[in-house]
């Protein structure tokens, strides 16, 4: 994920944001509402305003089952924490912070095979029936955006060999890296660039 985060940071700088306002490896903590702080993967902060915060996660097998729930709960909790802290005045008076979620899943037989669900008391939503972990993550990323927890999400898949060379696939046309970057660049162009540039 470091390569993708660095690429995104470089794109932010190319869009006109001063390098001193882009945080990639350190000074990534933001105050939360339900916890003191949370460390994000990339931030843009200019003139005392949080312009954007990026969460980037990956998931490789073999333990897709347990880690799927952990990843989803973490992403939802991070968004809720930041959005609530913003509402309560922890940062920004004029700019609504942009939140992005970038997810990379290992493309393998285990992530692509259908997974059964347990329904001892109530029926699950139909889109989850026999859905692979790849399909579950796609649905999750889409729902994060549609429910307005994140401004945009990208869902990428790559196998062990191709990923090291930068190769990936985009299973969903609404969760592409291009859409993700366009949204991010629009935010930093609107709020992250100094008027003198």
N, C-alpha and C. Protein backbone atom coordinates (compact mmCIF):
# COMPACT_ATOMS: atom_id res chain seq x y z
N UNK A 1 0.82 -1.21 0.00
CA UNK A 1 0.00 0.00 0.00
C UNK A 1 0.86 1.26 0.00
N UNK A 2 2.10 1.15 0.46
CA UNK A 2 2.96 2.34 0.49
C UNK A 2 3.11 2.96 -0.90
N UNK A 3 3.24 2.11 -1.93
CA UNK A 3 3.39 2.63 -3.27
C UNK A 3 2.17 3.41 -3.72
N UNK A 4 0.97 2.91 -3.43
CA UNK A 4 -0.25 3.62 -3.79
C UNK A 4 -0.39 4.92 -3.02
N UNK A 5 -0.06 4.89 -1.72
CA UNK A 5 -0.16 6.11 -0.92
C UNK A 5 0.82 7.16 -1.43
N UNK A 6 2.03 6.74 -1.76
CA UNK A 6 3.00 7.69 -2.30
C UNK A 6 2.55 8.25 -3.64
N UNK A 7 1.96 7.42 -4.49
CA UNK A 7 1.43 7.89 -5.77
C UNK A 7 0.35 8.93 -5.55
N UNK A 8 -0.56 8.67 -4.64
CA UNK A 8 -1.64 9.62 -4.36
C UNK A 8 -1.07 10.92 -3.81
N UNK A 9 -0.09 10.82 -2.91
CA UNK A 9 0.56 12.02 -2.39
C UNK A 9 1.20 12.84 -3.49
N UNK A 10 1.86 12.16 -4.43
CA UNK A 10 2.48 12.85 -5.57
C UNK A 10 1.43 13.53 -6.43
N UNK A 11 0.27 12.88 -6.64
CA UNK A 11 -0.80 13.48 -7.43
C UNK A 11 -1.36 14.73 -6.75
N UNK A 12 -1.43 14.70 -5.43
CA UNK A 12 -1.90 15.87 -4.68
C UNK A 12 -0.93 17.04 -4.88
N UNK A 13 0.37 16.76 -4.81
CA UNK A 13 1.37 17.81 -5.02
C UNK A 13 1.30 18.34 -6.45
N UNK A 14 1.15 17.43 -7.42
CA UNK A 14 1.03 17.84 -8.82
C UNK A 14 -0.20 18.72 -9.04
N UNK A 15 -1.24 18.53 -8.23
CA UNK A 15 -2.46 19.33 -8.34
C UNK A 15 -2.27 20.73 -7.76
N UNK A 16 -1.11 20.99 -7.15
CA UNK A 16 -0.82 22.33 -6.67
C UNK A 16 -0.72 22.50 -5.18
N UNK A 17 -0.84 21.42 -4.43
CA UNK A 17 -0.74 21.50 -2.98
C UNK A 17 0.73 21.54 -2.59
N UNK A 18 1.10 22.46 -1.71
CA UNK A 18 2.48 22.55 -1.25
C UNK A 18 2.84 21.28 -0.47
N UNK A 19 4.02 20.77 -0.74
CA UNK A 19 4.48 19.53 -0.10
C UNK A 19 4.40 19.61 1.43
N UNK A 20 4.57 20.79 1.99
CA UNK A 20 4.54 20.94 3.45
C UNK A 20 3.15 20.70 4.03
N UNK A 21 2.14 20.68 3.18
CA UNK A 21 0.76 20.45 3.63
C UNK A 21 0.31 19.01 3.45
N UNK A 22 1.18 18.17 2.90
CA UNK A 22 0.86 16.77 2.63
C UNK A 22 1.61 15.89 3.62
N UNK A 23 0.87 15.05 4.33
CA UNK A 23 1.47 14.21 5.36
C UNK A 23 1.25 12.75 4.99
N UNK A 24 2.41 12.00 4.85
CA UNK A 24 2.34 10.62 4.38
C UNK A 24 2.87 9.61 5.40
N UNK A 25 3.95 9.90 6.05
CA UNK A 25 4.61 8.91 6.92
C UNK A 25 4.54 9.28 8.40
N UNK A 26 4.41 10.55 8.69
CA UNK A 26 4.36 10.98 10.09
C UNK A 26 3.40 12.15 10.23
N UNK A 27 3.08 12.44 11.48
CA UNK A 27 2.13 13.50 11.81
C UNK A 27 0.77 13.21 11.16
N UNK A 28 0.32 11.97 11.30
CA UNK A 28 -0.91 11.50 10.66
C UNK A 28 -2.08 11.37 11.64
N UNK A 29 -1.87 11.78 12.88
CA UNK A 29 -2.92 11.64 13.89
C UNK A 29 -3.93 12.79 13.79
N UNK A 30 -5.20 12.42 13.93
CA UNK A 30 -6.28 13.40 14.01
C UNK A 30 -7.10 13.12 15.26
N UNK A 31 -7.61 14.18 15.90
CA UNK A 31 -8.47 13.94 17.06
C UNK A 31 -9.75 13.23 16.65
N UNK A 32 -10.22 12.37 17.53
CA UNK A 32 -11.48 11.70 17.31
C UNK A 32 -12.49 12.16 18.33
N UNK A 33 -13.71 11.68 18.20
CA UNK A 33 -14.77 11.99 19.15
C UNK A 33 -14.93 10.87 20.16
N UNK A 34 -14.82 9.62 19.69
CA UNK A 34 -14.99 8.46 20.55
C UNK A 34 -13.67 7.95 21.11
N UNK A 35 -12.56 8.45 20.59
CA UNK A 35 -11.22 8.08 21.06
C UNK A 35 -10.35 9.32 20.91
N UNK A 36 -9.22 9.37 21.60
CA UNK A 36 -8.41 10.59 21.55
C UNK A 36 -7.90 10.91 20.14
N UNK A 37 -7.31 9.92 19.46
CA UNK A 37 -6.76 10.16 18.12
C UNK A 37 -6.89 8.91 17.27
N UNK A 38 -6.76 9.11 15.97
CA UNK A 38 -6.67 8.01 15.01
C UNK A 38 -5.61 8.40 13.99
N UNK A 39 -4.78 7.43 13.61
CA UNK A 39 -3.74 7.68 12.62
C UNK A 39 -4.26 7.29 11.24
N UNK A 40 -4.25 8.25 10.32
CA UNK A 40 -4.70 8.02 8.95
C UNK A 40 -3.49 7.70 8.08
N UNK A 41 -3.71 7.37 6.82
CA UNK A 41 -2.61 6.99 5.93
C UNK A 41 -2.08 8.16 5.11
N UNK A 42 -2.89 9.17 4.89
CA UNK A 42 -2.45 10.38 4.19
C UNK A 42 -3.38 11.51 4.58
N UNK A 43 -2.80 12.66 4.85
CA UNK A 43 -3.58 13.85 5.20
C UNK A 43 -3.12 15.03 4.37
N UNK A 44 -4.05 15.94 4.11
CA UNK A 44 -3.70 17.26 3.61
C UNK A 44 -4.31 18.25 4.58
N UNK A 45 -3.44 19.08 5.18
CA UNK A 45 -3.86 20.09 6.14
C UNK A 45 -3.25 21.41 5.68
N UNK A 46 -4.11 22.43 5.47
CA UNK A 46 -3.62 23.73 5.03
C UNK A 46 -4.32 24.83 5.80
N UNK A 47 -3.55 25.77 6.28
CA UNK A 47 -4.09 26.92 7.01
C UNK A 47 -5.00 26.50 8.16
N UNK A 48 -4.59 25.46 8.88
CA UNK A 48 -5.36 25.01 10.03
C UNK A 48 -6.65 24.29 9.68
N UNK A 49 -6.80 23.87 8.43
CA UNK A 49 -8.00 23.15 8.03
C UNK A 49 -7.63 21.78 7.48
N UNK A 50 -8.40 20.79 7.88
CA UNK A 50 -8.23 19.44 7.34
C UNK A 50 -8.92 19.40 5.98
N UNK A 51 -8.13 19.23 4.92
CA UNK A 51 -8.67 19.20 3.57
C UNK A 51 -9.09 17.77 3.21
N UNK A 52 -8.22 16.80 3.53
CA UNK A 52 -8.60 15.42 3.23
C UNK A 52 -7.88 14.46 4.16
N UNK A 53 -8.52 13.30 4.34
CA UNK A 53 -7.95 12.19 5.09
C UNK A 53 -8.20 10.92 4.29
N UNK A 54 -7.16 10.12 4.17
CA UNK A 54 -7.24 8.89 3.38
C UNK A 54 -6.96 7.68 4.25
N UNK A 55 -7.82 6.67 4.10
CA UNK A 55 -7.62 5.37 4.75
C UNK A 55 -7.33 4.37 3.64
N UNK A 56 -6.21 3.66 3.72
CA UNK A 56 -5.84 2.67 2.72
C UNK A 56 -5.61 1.33 3.43
N UNK A 57 -6.31 0.31 2.97
CA UNK A 57 -6.21 -1.01 3.59
C UNK A 57 -6.06 -2.07 2.52
N UNK A 58 -5.44 -3.18 2.93
CA UNK A 58 -5.33 -4.34 2.04
C UNK A 58 -5.70 -5.59 2.84
N UNK A 59 -5.99 -6.65 2.09
CA UNK A 59 -6.34 -7.91 2.74
C UNK A 59 -5.84 -9.05 1.86
N UNK A 60 -4.94 -9.83 2.42
CA UNK A 60 -4.43 -11.02 1.74
C UNK A 60 -4.81 -12.24 2.58
N UNK A 61 -4.99 -13.36 1.92
CA UNK A 61 -5.40 -14.58 2.60
C UNK A 61 -4.30 -15.14 3.48
N UNK A 62 -4.57 -16.22 4.15
CA UNK A 62 -5.73 -17.08 3.93
C UNK A 62 -6.92 -16.79 4.82
N UNK A 63 -6.81 -15.97 5.83
CA UNK A 63 -7.90 -15.80 6.80
C UNK A 63 -8.84 -14.67 6.38
N UNK A 64 -9.63 -14.89 5.35
CA UNK A 64 -10.55 -13.86 4.88
C UNK A 64 -11.74 -13.68 5.83
N UNK A 65 -12.20 -14.75 6.43
CA UNK A 65 -13.40 -14.68 7.26
C UNK A 65 -13.32 -13.72 8.42
N UNK A 66 -12.39 -13.95 9.34
CA UNK A 66 -12.28 -13.10 10.52
C UNK A 66 -11.86 -11.68 10.15
N UNK A 67 -10.93 -11.56 9.23
CA UNK A 67 -10.41 -10.23 8.91
C UNK A 67 -11.40 -9.36 8.15
N UNK A 68 -12.33 -9.96 7.42
CA UNK A 68 -13.35 -9.17 6.73
C UNK A 68 -14.13 -8.33 7.73
N UNK A 69 -14.61 -8.97 8.79
CA UNK A 69 -15.37 -8.22 9.80
C UNK A 69 -14.52 -7.14 10.46
N UNK A 70 -13.26 -7.45 10.75
CA UNK A 70 -12.40 -6.44 11.35
C UNK A 70 -12.21 -5.23 10.44
N UNK A 71 -11.98 -5.48 9.15
CA UNK A 71 -11.76 -4.39 8.20
C UNK A 71 -13.01 -3.51 8.07
N UNK A 72 -14.17 -4.14 7.98
CA UNK A 72 -15.39 -3.35 7.80
C UNK A 72 -15.71 -2.52 9.05
N UNK A 73 -15.57 -3.12 10.20
CA UNK A 73 -15.85 -2.40 11.44
C UNK A 73 -14.89 -1.24 11.63
N UNK A 74 -13.63 -1.46 11.31
CA UNK A 74 -12.62 -0.40 11.44
C UNK A 74 -12.94 0.77 10.52
N UNK A 75 -13.27 0.49 9.27
CA UNK A 75 -13.55 1.57 8.32
C UNK A 75 -14.79 2.37 8.72
N UNK A 76 -15.84 1.68 9.12
CA UNK A 76 -17.05 2.39 9.54
C UNK A 76 -16.79 3.22 10.79
N UNK A 77 -16.07 2.64 11.74
CA UNK A 77 -15.78 3.36 12.98
C UNK A 77 -14.91 4.57 12.76
N UNK A 78 -13.92 4.47 11.88
CA UNK A 78 -13.04 5.60 11.61
C UNK A 78 -13.81 6.76 10.99
N UNK A 79 -14.70 6.44 10.05
CA UNK A 79 -15.50 7.49 9.41
C UNK A 79 -16.43 8.15 10.42
N UNK A 80 -17.11 7.34 11.22
CA UNK A 80 -18.02 7.89 12.23
C UNK A 80 -17.27 8.78 13.21
N UNK A 81 -16.10 8.33 13.64
CA UNK A 81 -15.30 9.08 14.60
C UNK A 81 -14.88 10.44 14.03
N UNK A 82 -14.37 10.43 12.80
CA UNK A 82 -13.93 11.69 12.19
C UNK A 82 -15.10 12.61 11.91
N UNK A 83 -16.16 12.11 11.32
CA UNK A 83 -17.32 12.95 11.00
C UNK A 83 -17.94 13.56 12.26
N UNK A 84 -17.99 12.79 13.34
CA UNK A 84 -18.55 13.31 14.58
C UNK A 84 -17.62 14.35 15.19
N UNK A 85 -16.31 14.10 15.17
CA UNK A 85 -15.36 15.09 15.68
C UNK A 85 -15.44 16.39 14.89
N UNK A 86 -15.60 16.28 13.58
CA UNK A 86 -15.77 17.47 12.74
C UNK A 86 -17.04 18.22 13.13
N UNK A 87 -18.13 17.51 13.28
CA UNK A 87 -19.40 18.15 13.68
C UNK A 87 -19.26 18.88 15.01
N UNK A 88 -18.46 18.30 15.91
CA UNK A 88 -18.28 18.89 17.24
C UNK A 88 -17.18 19.95 17.27
N UNK A 89 -16.63 20.32 16.12
CA UNK A 89 -15.69 21.43 16.05
C UNK A 89 -14.23 21.09 16.27
N UNK A 90 -13.85 19.83 16.16
CA UNK A 90 -12.45 19.46 16.36
C UNK A 90 -11.55 20.05 15.28
N UNK A 91 -12.08 20.22 14.08
CA UNK A 91 -11.33 20.84 13.00
C UNK A 91 -12.30 21.52 12.04
N UNK A 92 -11.80 22.55 11.43
CA UNK A 92 -12.45 23.23 10.30
C UNK A 92 -13.71 24.01 10.67
N UNK A 93 -13.76 25.20 10.09
CA UNK A 93 -14.96 26.03 10.22
C UNK A 93 -15.63 26.22 8.87
N UNK A 94 -14.85 26.11 7.79
CA UNK A 94 -15.42 26.39 6.47
C UNK A 94 -15.35 25.22 5.49
N UNK A 95 -14.44 24.30 5.67
CA UNK A 95 -14.27 23.22 4.72
C UNK A 95 -14.72 21.90 5.34
N UNK A 96 -15.61 21.18 4.63
CA UNK A 96 -15.97 19.84 5.09
C UNK A 96 -14.87 18.89 4.64
N UNK A 97 -14.22 18.19 5.57
CA UNK A 97 -13.12 17.30 5.18
C UNK A 97 -13.58 16.21 4.21
N UNK A 98 -12.72 15.95 3.24
CA UNK A 98 -12.94 14.87 2.27
C UNK A 98 -12.35 13.60 2.87
N UNK A 99 -13.12 12.50 2.79
CA UNK A 99 -12.67 11.21 3.30
C UNK A 99 -12.63 10.21 2.16
N UNK A 100 -11.50 9.55 1.99
CA UNK A 100 -11.36 8.53 0.95
C UNK A 100 -10.97 7.19 1.54
N UNK A 101 -11.49 6.13 0.92
CA UNK A 101 -11.20 4.77 1.36
C UNK A 101 -10.69 3.98 0.16
N UNK A 102 -9.46 3.50 0.26
CA UNK A 102 -8.81 2.74 -0.81
C UNK A 102 -8.57 1.33 -0.31
N UNK A 103 -9.11 0.34 -1.03
CA UNK A 103 -8.99 -1.04 -0.57
C UNK A 103 -8.43 -1.93 -1.66
N UNK A 104 -7.43 -2.73 -1.28
CA UNK A 104 -6.78 -3.68 -2.19
C UNK A 104 -6.94 -5.09 -1.62
N UNK A 105 -7.56 -5.98 -2.41
CA UNK A 105 -7.81 -7.36 -1.99
C UNK A 105 -6.99 -8.32 -2.83
N UNK A 106 -6.45 -9.35 -2.18
CA UNK A 106 -5.73 -10.38 -2.93
C UNK A 106 -6.70 -11.12 -3.85
N UNK A 107 -6.34 -11.21 -5.11
CA UNK A 107 -7.13 -11.92 -6.11
C UNK A 107 -6.67 -13.37 -6.14
N UNK A 108 -7.43 -14.25 -5.50
CA UNK A 108 -7.07 -15.66 -5.42
C UNK A 108 -8.36 -16.49 -5.34
N UNK A 109 -8.21 -17.79 -5.37
CA UNK A 109 -9.40 -18.65 -5.36
C UNK A 109 -10.20 -18.47 -4.07
N UNK A 110 -9.53 -18.29 -2.95
CA UNK A 110 -10.22 -18.15 -1.67
C UNK A 110 -11.04 -16.86 -1.59
N UNK A 111 -10.55 -15.79 -2.19
CA UNK A 111 -11.29 -14.52 -2.13
C UNK A 111 -12.43 -14.47 -3.15
N UNK A 112 -12.41 -15.36 -4.14
CA UNK A 112 -13.41 -15.34 -5.21
C UNK A 112 -14.47 -16.43 -5.11
N UNK A 113 -14.33 -17.36 -4.19
CA UNK A 113 -15.32 -18.44 -4.11
C UNK A 113 -16.52 -18.00 -3.25
N UNK A 114 -17.71 -18.50 -3.56
CA UNK A 114 -18.90 -18.15 -2.77
C UNK A 114 -18.74 -18.57 -1.31
N UNK A 115 -19.32 -17.76 -0.44
CA UNK A 115 -19.24 -18.02 1.00
C UNK A 115 -20.66 -18.11 1.54
N UNK A 116 -20.91 -19.14 2.29
CA UNK A 116 -22.23 -19.30 2.90
C UNK A 116 -22.37 -18.40 4.11
N UNK A 117 -23.60 -18.03 4.41
CA UNK A 117 -23.89 -17.22 5.60
C UNK A 117 -24.77 -18.03 6.55
N UNK A 118 -24.68 -17.72 7.81
CA UNK A 118 -25.53 -18.34 8.82
C UNK A 118 -26.73 -17.42 9.07
N UNK A 119 -27.92 -18.00 9.09
CA UNK A 119 -29.14 -17.22 9.30
C UNK A 119 -30.02 -17.89 10.35
N UNK A 120 -29.54 -18.01 11.60
CA UNK A 120 -30.30 -18.77 12.60
C UNK A 120 -31.61 -18.09 13.02
N UNK A 121 -31.69 -16.77 12.89
CA UNK A 121 -32.89 -16.06 13.37
C UNK A 121 -33.55 -15.20 12.28
N UNK A 122 -32.74 -14.54 11.47
CA UNK A 122 -33.27 -13.62 10.46
C UNK A 122 -32.51 -13.79 9.16
N UNK A 123 -33.15 -13.41 8.07
CA UNK A 123 -32.53 -13.51 6.76
C UNK A 123 -31.57 -12.34 6.54
N UNK A 124 -30.42 -12.63 5.94
CA UNK A 124 -29.48 -11.57 5.57
C UNK A 124 -30.02 -10.87 4.32
N UNK A 125 -29.49 -9.70 4.03
CA UNK A 125 -29.88 -9.02 2.80
C UNK A 125 -29.47 -9.90 1.61
N UNK A 126 -30.30 -9.96 0.58
CA UNK A 126 -30.09 -10.93 -0.51
C UNK A 126 -28.76 -10.78 -1.24
N UNK A 127 -28.21 -9.58 -1.29
CA UNK A 127 -26.94 -9.40 -2.01
C UNK A 127 -25.77 -10.15 -1.36
N UNK A 128 -25.95 -10.56 -0.10
CA UNK A 128 -24.88 -11.28 0.58
C UNK A 128 -24.96 -12.80 0.43
N UNK A 129 -26.05 -13.30 -0.12
CA UNK A 129 -26.20 -14.75 -0.26
C UNK A 129 -25.19 -15.29 -1.27
N UNK A 130 -24.38 -16.22 -0.83
CA UNK A 130 -23.35 -16.85 -1.65
C UNK A 130 -22.37 -15.86 -2.26
N UNK A 131 -22.22 -14.71 -1.67
CA UNK A 131 -21.28 -13.71 -2.17
C UNK A 131 -19.86 -14.06 -1.72
N UNK A 132 -18.92 -13.99 -2.63
CA UNK A 132 -17.51 -14.20 -2.28
C UNK A 132 -17.03 -13.04 -1.43
N UNK A 133 -15.82 -13.18 -0.87
CA UNK A 133 -15.26 -12.05 -0.13
C UNK A 133 -14.97 -10.88 -1.06
N UNK A 134 -14.62 -11.16 -2.30
CA UNK A 134 -14.43 -10.08 -3.27
C UNK A 134 -15.74 -9.32 -3.46
N UNK A 135 -16.83 -10.03 -3.62
CA UNK A 135 -18.13 -9.37 -3.79
C UNK A 135 -18.53 -8.63 -2.52
N UNK A 136 -18.27 -9.22 -1.37
CA UNK A 136 -18.59 -8.55 -0.10
C UNK A 136 -17.82 -7.24 0.04
N UNK A 137 -16.54 -7.24 -0.31
CA UNK A 137 -15.77 -6.00 -0.21
C UNK A 137 -16.25 -4.96 -1.22
N UNK A 138 -16.62 -5.41 -2.41
CA UNK A 138 -17.16 -4.48 -3.39
C UNK A 138 -18.43 -3.82 -2.84
N UNK A 139 -19.34 -4.63 -2.33
CA UNK A 139 -20.57 -4.10 -1.74
C UNK A 139 -20.26 -3.14 -0.59
N UNK A 140 -19.31 -3.53 0.23
CA UNK A 140 -18.95 -2.70 1.37
C UNK A 140 -18.45 -1.33 0.93
N UNK A 141 -17.51 -1.31 -0.02
CA UNK A 141 -16.97 -0.03 -0.49
C UNK A 141 -18.07 0.84 -1.09
N UNK A 142 -18.96 0.23 -1.87
CA UNK A 142 -20.06 0.98 -2.48
C UNK A 142 -20.98 1.56 -1.41
N UNK A 143 -21.30 0.76 -0.41
CA UNK A 143 -22.21 1.22 0.64
C UNK A 143 -21.58 2.32 1.49
N UNK A 144 -20.27 2.26 1.69
CA UNK A 144 -19.60 3.34 2.43
C UNK A 144 -19.83 4.69 1.77
N UNK A 145 -19.81 4.69 0.44
CA UNK A 145 -20.00 5.93 -0.31
C UNK A 145 -21.47 6.31 -0.36
N UNK A 146 -22.32 5.35 -0.66
CA UNK A 146 -23.75 5.66 -0.78
C UNK A 146 -24.37 6.11 0.54
N UNK A 147 -23.83 5.62 1.64
CA UNK A 147 -24.31 6.05 2.95
C UNK A 147 -23.57 7.30 3.44
N UNK A 148 -22.70 7.84 2.62
CA UNK A 148 -21.98 9.10 2.86
C UNK A 148 -21.02 9.05 4.04
N UNK A 149 -20.50 7.87 4.31
CA UNK A 149 -19.46 7.77 5.33
C UNK A 149 -18.13 8.24 4.75
N UNK A 150 -17.89 7.92 3.48
CA UNK A 150 -16.70 8.37 2.76
C UNK A 150 -17.16 9.08 1.49
N UNK A 151 -16.38 10.06 1.06
CA UNK A 151 -16.72 10.76 -0.18
C UNK A 151 -16.57 9.84 -1.39
N UNK A 152 -15.53 9.01 -1.36
CA UNK A 152 -15.26 8.12 -2.49
C UNK A 152 -14.48 6.92 -1.98
N UNK A 153 -14.65 5.80 -2.70
CA UNK A 153 -13.90 4.58 -2.37
C UNK A 153 -13.41 3.95 -3.66
N UNK A 154 -12.28 3.29 -3.58
CA UNK A 154 -11.75 2.51 -4.70
C UNK A 154 -11.55 1.09 -4.21
N UNK A 155 -11.96 0.14 -5.06
CA UNK A 155 -11.79 -1.28 -4.74
C UNK A 155 -10.95 -1.92 -5.83
N UNK A 156 -9.75 -2.36 -5.45
CA UNK A 156 -8.80 -2.94 -6.39
C UNK A 156 -8.49 -4.37 -5.97
N UNK A 157 -8.14 -5.20 -6.96
CA UNK A 157 -7.71 -6.57 -6.67
C UNK A 157 -6.42 -6.85 -7.41
N UNK A 158 -5.56 -7.64 -6.79
CA UNK A 158 -4.30 -8.01 -7.42
C UNK A 158 -3.82 -9.34 -6.84
N UNK A 159 -3.13 -10.11 -7.68
CA UNK A 159 -2.56 -11.35 -7.15
C UNK A 159 -1.16 -11.07 -6.60
N UNK A 160 -0.58 -12.09 -5.98
CA UNK A 160 0.71 -11.92 -5.31
C UNK A 160 1.83 -11.46 -6.23
N UNK A 161 1.87 -11.95 -7.44
CA UNK A 161 2.94 -11.58 -8.37
C UNK A 161 2.69 -10.22 -9.03
N UNK A 162 1.51 -10.05 -9.56
CA UNK A 162 1.19 -8.82 -10.29
C UNK A 162 1.21 -7.59 -9.40
N UNK A 163 0.77 -7.77 -8.16
CA UNK A 163 0.72 -6.63 -7.24
C UNK A 163 2.07 -5.99 -7.01
N UNK A 164 3.11 -6.81 -6.95
CA UNK A 164 4.45 -6.27 -6.75
C UNK A 164 4.94 -5.47 -7.96
N UNK A 165 4.32 -5.70 -9.12
CA UNK A 165 4.69 -4.96 -10.33
C UNK A 165 3.71 -3.83 -10.63
N UNK A 166 2.75 -3.61 -9.71
CA UNK A 166 1.78 -2.54 -9.90
C UNK A 166 0.56 -2.93 -10.72
N UNK A 167 0.36 -4.23 -10.96
CA UNK A 167 -0.79 -4.68 -11.74
C UNK A 167 -1.97 -4.91 -10.82
N UNK A 168 -3.14 -4.48 -11.25
CA UNK A 168 -4.35 -4.69 -10.47
C UNK A 168 -5.55 -4.67 -11.41
N UNK A 169 -6.69 -5.16 -10.91
CA UNK A 169 -7.95 -5.10 -11.64
C UNK A 169 -8.93 -4.27 -10.83
N UNK A 170 -9.97 -3.80 -11.51
CA UNK A 170 -11.02 -3.00 -10.88
C UNK A 170 -12.36 -3.68 -11.17
N UNK A 171 -12.85 -4.48 -10.23
CA UNK A 171 -14.07 -5.26 -10.49
C UNK A 171 -15.35 -4.44 -10.66
N UNK A 172 -15.37 -3.21 -10.17
CA UNK A 172 -16.60 -2.40 -10.20
C UNK A 172 -16.33 -1.05 -10.85
N UNK A 173 -17.17 -0.70 -11.82
CA UNK A 173 -16.94 0.53 -12.57
C UNK A 173 -17.17 1.80 -11.74
N UNK A 174 -17.88 1.70 -10.63
CA UNK A 174 -18.10 2.87 -9.78
C UNK A 174 -17.07 2.98 -8.65
N UNK A 175 -16.12 2.05 -8.59
CA UNK A 175 -15.12 2.05 -7.51
C UNK A 175 -13.71 2.00 -8.08
N UNK A 176 -13.47 2.72 -9.16
CA UNK A 176 -12.18 2.68 -9.83
C UNK A 176 -11.20 3.67 -9.22
N UNK A 177 -9.94 3.42 -9.49
CA UNK A 177 -8.89 4.31 -9.02
C UNK A 177 -9.01 5.69 -9.69
N UNK A 178 -9.42 5.72 -10.95
CA UNK A 178 -9.57 7.00 -11.64
C UNK A 178 -10.65 7.86 -10.99
N UNK A 179 -11.79 7.28 -10.68
CA UNK A 179 -12.84 8.04 -10.00
C UNK A 179 -12.35 8.54 -8.65
N UNK A 180 -11.64 7.68 -7.94
CA UNK A 180 -11.08 8.04 -6.64
C UNK A 180 -10.17 9.27 -6.77
N UNK A 181 -9.24 9.22 -7.73
CA UNK A 181 -8.27 10.31 -7.90
C UNK A 181 -8.95 11.59 -8.37
N UNK A 182 -9.92 11.47 -9.26
CA UNK A 182 -10.62 12.67 -9.73
C UNK A 182 -11.33 13.40 -8.58
N UNK A 183 -11.95 12.64 -7.70
CA UNK A 183 -12.62 13.24 -6.55
C UNK A 183 -11.62 13.90 -5.61
N UNK A 184 -10.52 13.20 -5.36
CA UNK A 184 -9.47 13.73 -4.50
C UNK A 184 -8.88 15.02 -5.07
N UNK A 185 -8.56 15.02 -6.36
CA UNK A 185 -7.97 16.21 -7.00
C UNK A 185 -8.95 17.37 -6.98
N UNK A 186 -10.24 17.09 -7.18
CA UNK A 186 -11.24 18.16 -7.11
C UNK A 186 -11.25 18.82 -5.74
N UNK A 187 -11.14 18.01 -4.69
CA UNK A 187 -11.13 18.55 -3.33
C UNK A 187 -9.90 19.41 -3.08
N UNK A 188 -8.73 18.91 -3.45
CA UNK A 188 -7.51 19.69 -3.16
C UNK A 188 -7.42 20.90 -4.07
N UNK A 189 -7.95 20.83 -5.27
CA UNK A 189 -7.95 21.99 -6.15
C UNK A 189 -8.86 23.08 -5.58
N UNK A 190 -9.98 22.67 -5.01
CA UNK A 190 -10.91 23.63 -4.44
C UNK A 190 -10.43 24.23 -3.13
N UNK A 191 -9.78 23.42 -2.29
CA UNK A 191 -9.48 23.87 -0.93
C UNK A 191 -8.03 23.76 -0.50
N UNK A 192 -7.21 23.00 -1.21
CA UNK A 192 -5.85 22.74 -0.73
C UNK A 192 -4.78 23.57 -1.39
N UNK A 193 -5.15 24.35 -2.41
CA UNK A 193 -4.16 25.11 -3.17
C UNK A 193 -4.20 26.56 -2.72
N UNK A 194 -3.02 27.11 -2.47
CA UNK A 194 -2.93 28.51 -2.07
C UNK A 194 -3.39 29.42 -3.20
N UNK A 195 -4.07 30.50 -2.88
CA UNK A 195 -4.57 31.44 -3.88
C UNK A 195 -3.45 32.11 -4.65
N UNK A 196 -2.26 32.15 -4.07
CA UNK A 196 -1.13 32.81 -4.74
C UNK A 196 -0.48 31.91 -5.79
N UNK A 197 -0.86 30.64 -5.83
CA UNK A 197 -0.24 29.71 -6.81
C UNK A 197 -0.91 29.83 -8.16
